[in-house]
Amino acid sequence: MGGVVSYMNRRLKAMIPQEIEVSYEEFLEIDKTYKVQPDLVICDKKGLEEQNYKGVPTLVVEVLSPSTASNDYIKKMVSFQSQ
């Protein structure tokens, strides 16, 4: 799984403008008490704070696997949609 995300991260960073951030280490702050960490986030750099992003990212990517599908597809997706 990590290989897919790492490959996507490298390819996207090579293609997008510098004011756009591609990261697989950022946490998205849904609210003050809840953060999620998607597999890949594409966002503007204005909302970055250390390893958190505040705001609505341009794109969130979750790579599903049988072991994480329930959490990624249900819990995280509901959180992303609430933004």
C-alpha atoms as a PDB file:
ATOM      1  CA  MET A   1       0.000   0.000   0.000  1.00  0.00           C
ATOM      2  CA  GLY A   2       2.718   2.471   0.949  1.00  0.00           C
ATOM      3  CA  GLY A   3       4.353   1.966  -2.438  1.00  0.00           C
ATOM      4  CA  VAL A   4       1.241   3.139  -4.285  1.00  0.00           C
ATOM      5  CA  VAL A   5       0.912   6.284  -2.159  1.00  0.00           C
ATOM      6  CA  SER A   6       4.627   7.034  -2.360  1.00  0.00           C
ATOM      7  CA  TYR A   7       4.573   6.674  -6.159  1.00  0.00           C
ATOM      8  CA  MET A   8       1.525   8.952  -6.483  1.00  0.00           C
ATOM      9  CA  ASN A   9       3.145  11.509  -4.172  1.00  0.00           C
ATOM     10  CA  ARG A  10       6.365  11.649  -6.239  1.00  0.00           C
ATOM     11  CA  ARG A  11       4.547  11.854  -9.586  1.00  0.00           C
ATOM     12  CA  LEU A  12       2.138  14.567  -8.464  1.00  0.00           C
ATOM     13  CA  LYS A  13       4.884  16.699  -6.875  1.00  0.00           C
ATOM     14  CA  ALA A  14       6.732  16.665 -10.186  1.00  0.00           C
ATOM     15  CA  MET A  15       3.675  17.927 -12.081  1.00  0.00           C
ATOM     16  CA  ILE A  16       1.940  20.564  -9.948  1.00  0.00           C
ATOM     17  CA  PRO A  17       2.742  24.253  -9.287  1.00  0.00           C
ATOM     18  CA  GLN A  18       4.896  25.115  -6.263  1.00  0.00           C
ATOM     19  CA  GLU A  19       2.061  26.888  -4.421  1.00  0.00           C
ATOM     20  CA  ILE A  20       0.221  23.560  -4.197  1.00  0.00           C
ATOM     21  CA  GLU A  21       1.286  20.977  -1.602  1.00  0.00           C
ATOM     22  CA  VAL A  22       1.105  17.226  -2.080  1.00  0.00           C
ATOM     23  CA  SER A  23       1.629  15.310   1.117  1.00  0.00           C
ATOM     24  CA  TYR A  24       1.032  11.945   2.693  1.00  0.00           C
ATOM     25  CA  GLU A  25       1.979  13.048   6.190  1.00  0.00           C
ATOM     26  CA  GLU A  26      -0.568  15.802   6.840  1.00  0.00           C
ATOM     27  CA  PHE A  27      -3.401  15.543   9.311  1.00  0.00           C
ATOM     28  CA  LEU A  28      -6.678  17.231   8.411  1.00  0.00           C
ATOM     29  CA  GLU A  29      -8.315  18.985  11.317  1.00  0.00           C
ATOM     30  CA  ILE A  30     -12.015  18.196  11.045  1.00  0.00           C
ATOM     31  CA  ASP A  31     -12.752  20.100  14.227  1.00  0.00           C
ATOM     32  CA  LYS A  32     -10.791  20.989  17.359  1.00  0.00           C
ATOM     33  CA  THR A  33     -11.144  17.474  18.765  1.00  0.00           C
ATOM     34  CA  TYR A  34     -10.913  15.262  15.673  1.00  0.00           C
ATOM     35  CA  LYS A  35      -8.135  14.864  13.103  1.00  0.00           C
ATOM     36  CA  VAL A  36      -7.743  12.329  10.305  1.00  0.00           C
ATOM     37  CA  GLN A  37      -4.736  11.385   8.209  1.00  0.00           C
ATOM     38  CA  PRO A  38      -5.628  10.571   4.606  1.00  0.00           C
ATOM     39  CA  ASP A  39      -3.217   8.615   2.439  1.00  0.00           C
ATOM     40  CA  LEU A  40      -2.603  11.658   0.231  1.00  0.00           C
ATOM     41  CA  VAL A  41      -3.649  15.314   0.445  1.00  0.00           C
ATOM     42  CA  ILE A  42      -3.445  17.967  -2.258  1.00  0.00           C
ATOM     43  CA  CYS A  43      -3.925  21.456  -0.852  1.00  0.00           C
ATOM     44  CA  ASP A  44      -2.734  25.046  -1.017  1.00  0.00           C
ATOM     45  CA  LYS A  45       0.157  25.861   1.312  1.00  0.00           C
ATOM     46  CA  LYS A  46      -1.752  28.624   3.136  1.00  0.00           C
ATOM     47  CA  GLY A  47      -3.532  26.222   5.485  1.00  0.00           C
ATOM     48  CA  LEU A  48      -0.459  24.222   6.528  1.00  0.00           C
ATOM     49  CA  GLU A  49       0.618  24.346  10.154  1.00  0.00           C
ATOM     50  CA  GLU A  50       3.414  21.905  11.055  1.00  0.00           C
ATOM     51  CA  GLN A  51       1.768  18.562  10.259  1.00  0.00           C
ATOM     52  CA  ASN A  52      -1.818  19.854  10.236  1.00  0.00           C
ATOM     53  CA  TYR A  53      -3.900  21.369   7.490  1.00  0.00           C
ATOM     54  CA  LYS A  54      -6.759  23.680   8.357  1.00  0.00           C
ATOM     55  CA  GLY A  55      -9.265  24.295   5.632  1.00  0.00           C
ATOM     56  CA  VAL A  56     -10.744  22.313   2.780  1.00  0.00           C
ATOM     57  CA  PRO A  57      -8.111  20.549   0.659  1.00  0.00           C
ATOM     58  CA  THR A  58      -8.339  20.368  -3.116  1.00  0.00           C
ATOM     59  CA  LEU A  59      -8.201  16.578  -3.137  1.00  0.00           C
ATOM     60  CA  VAL A  60      -8.086  13.801  -0.548  1.00  0.00           C
ATOM     61  CA  VAL A  61      -6.991  10.308  -1.635  1.00  0.00           C
ATOM     62  CA  GLU A  62      -7.633   7.138   0.347  1.00  0.00           C
ATOM     63  CA  VAL A  63      -6.160   3.901  -0.977  1.00  0.00           C
ATOM     64  CA  LEU A  64      -8.457   1.133   0.217  1.00  0.00           C
ATOM     65  CA  SER A  65      -7.314  -2.236   1.418  1.00  0.00           C
ATOM     66  CA  PRO A  66      -9.368  -4.979   3.055  1.00  0.00           C
ATOM     67  CA  SER A  67      -7.849  -4.259   6.472  1.00  0.00           C
ATOM     68  CA  THR A  68      -8.639  -0.511   6.448  1.00  0.00           C
ATOM     69  CA  ALA A  69     -11.650  -0.282   4.127  1.00  0.00           C
ATOM     70  CA  SER A  70     -14.241   0.060   6.877  1.00  0.00           C
ATOM     71  CA  ASN A  71     -12.420   2.928   8.606  1.00  0.00           C
ATOM     72  CA  ASP A  72     -11.396   4.647   5.350  1.00  0.00           C
ATOM     73  CA  TYR A  73     -14.672   4.269   3.504  1.00  0.00           C
ATOM     74  CA  ILE A  74     -17.121   4.923   6.324  1.00  0.00           C
ATOM     75  CA  LYS A  75     -15.606   6.911   9.195  1.00  0.00           C
ATOM     76  CA  LYS A  76     -13.103   9.012   7.248  1.00  0.00           C
ATOM     77  CA  MET A  77     -15.418   9.611   4.281  1.00  0.00           C
ATOM     78  CA  VAL A  78     -18.164  10.952   6.552  1.00  0.00           C
ATOM     79  CA  SER A  79     -15.579  13.247   8.170  1.00  0.00           C
ATOM     80  CA  PHE A  80     -14.351  14.523   4.815  1.00  0.00           C
ATOM     81  CA  GLN A  81     -17.888  15.178   3.609  1.00  0.00           C
ATOM     82  CA  SER A  82     -18.638  17.240   6.713  1.00  0.00           C
ATOM     83  CA  GLN A  83     -16.024  19.753   5.594  1.00  0.00           C
END
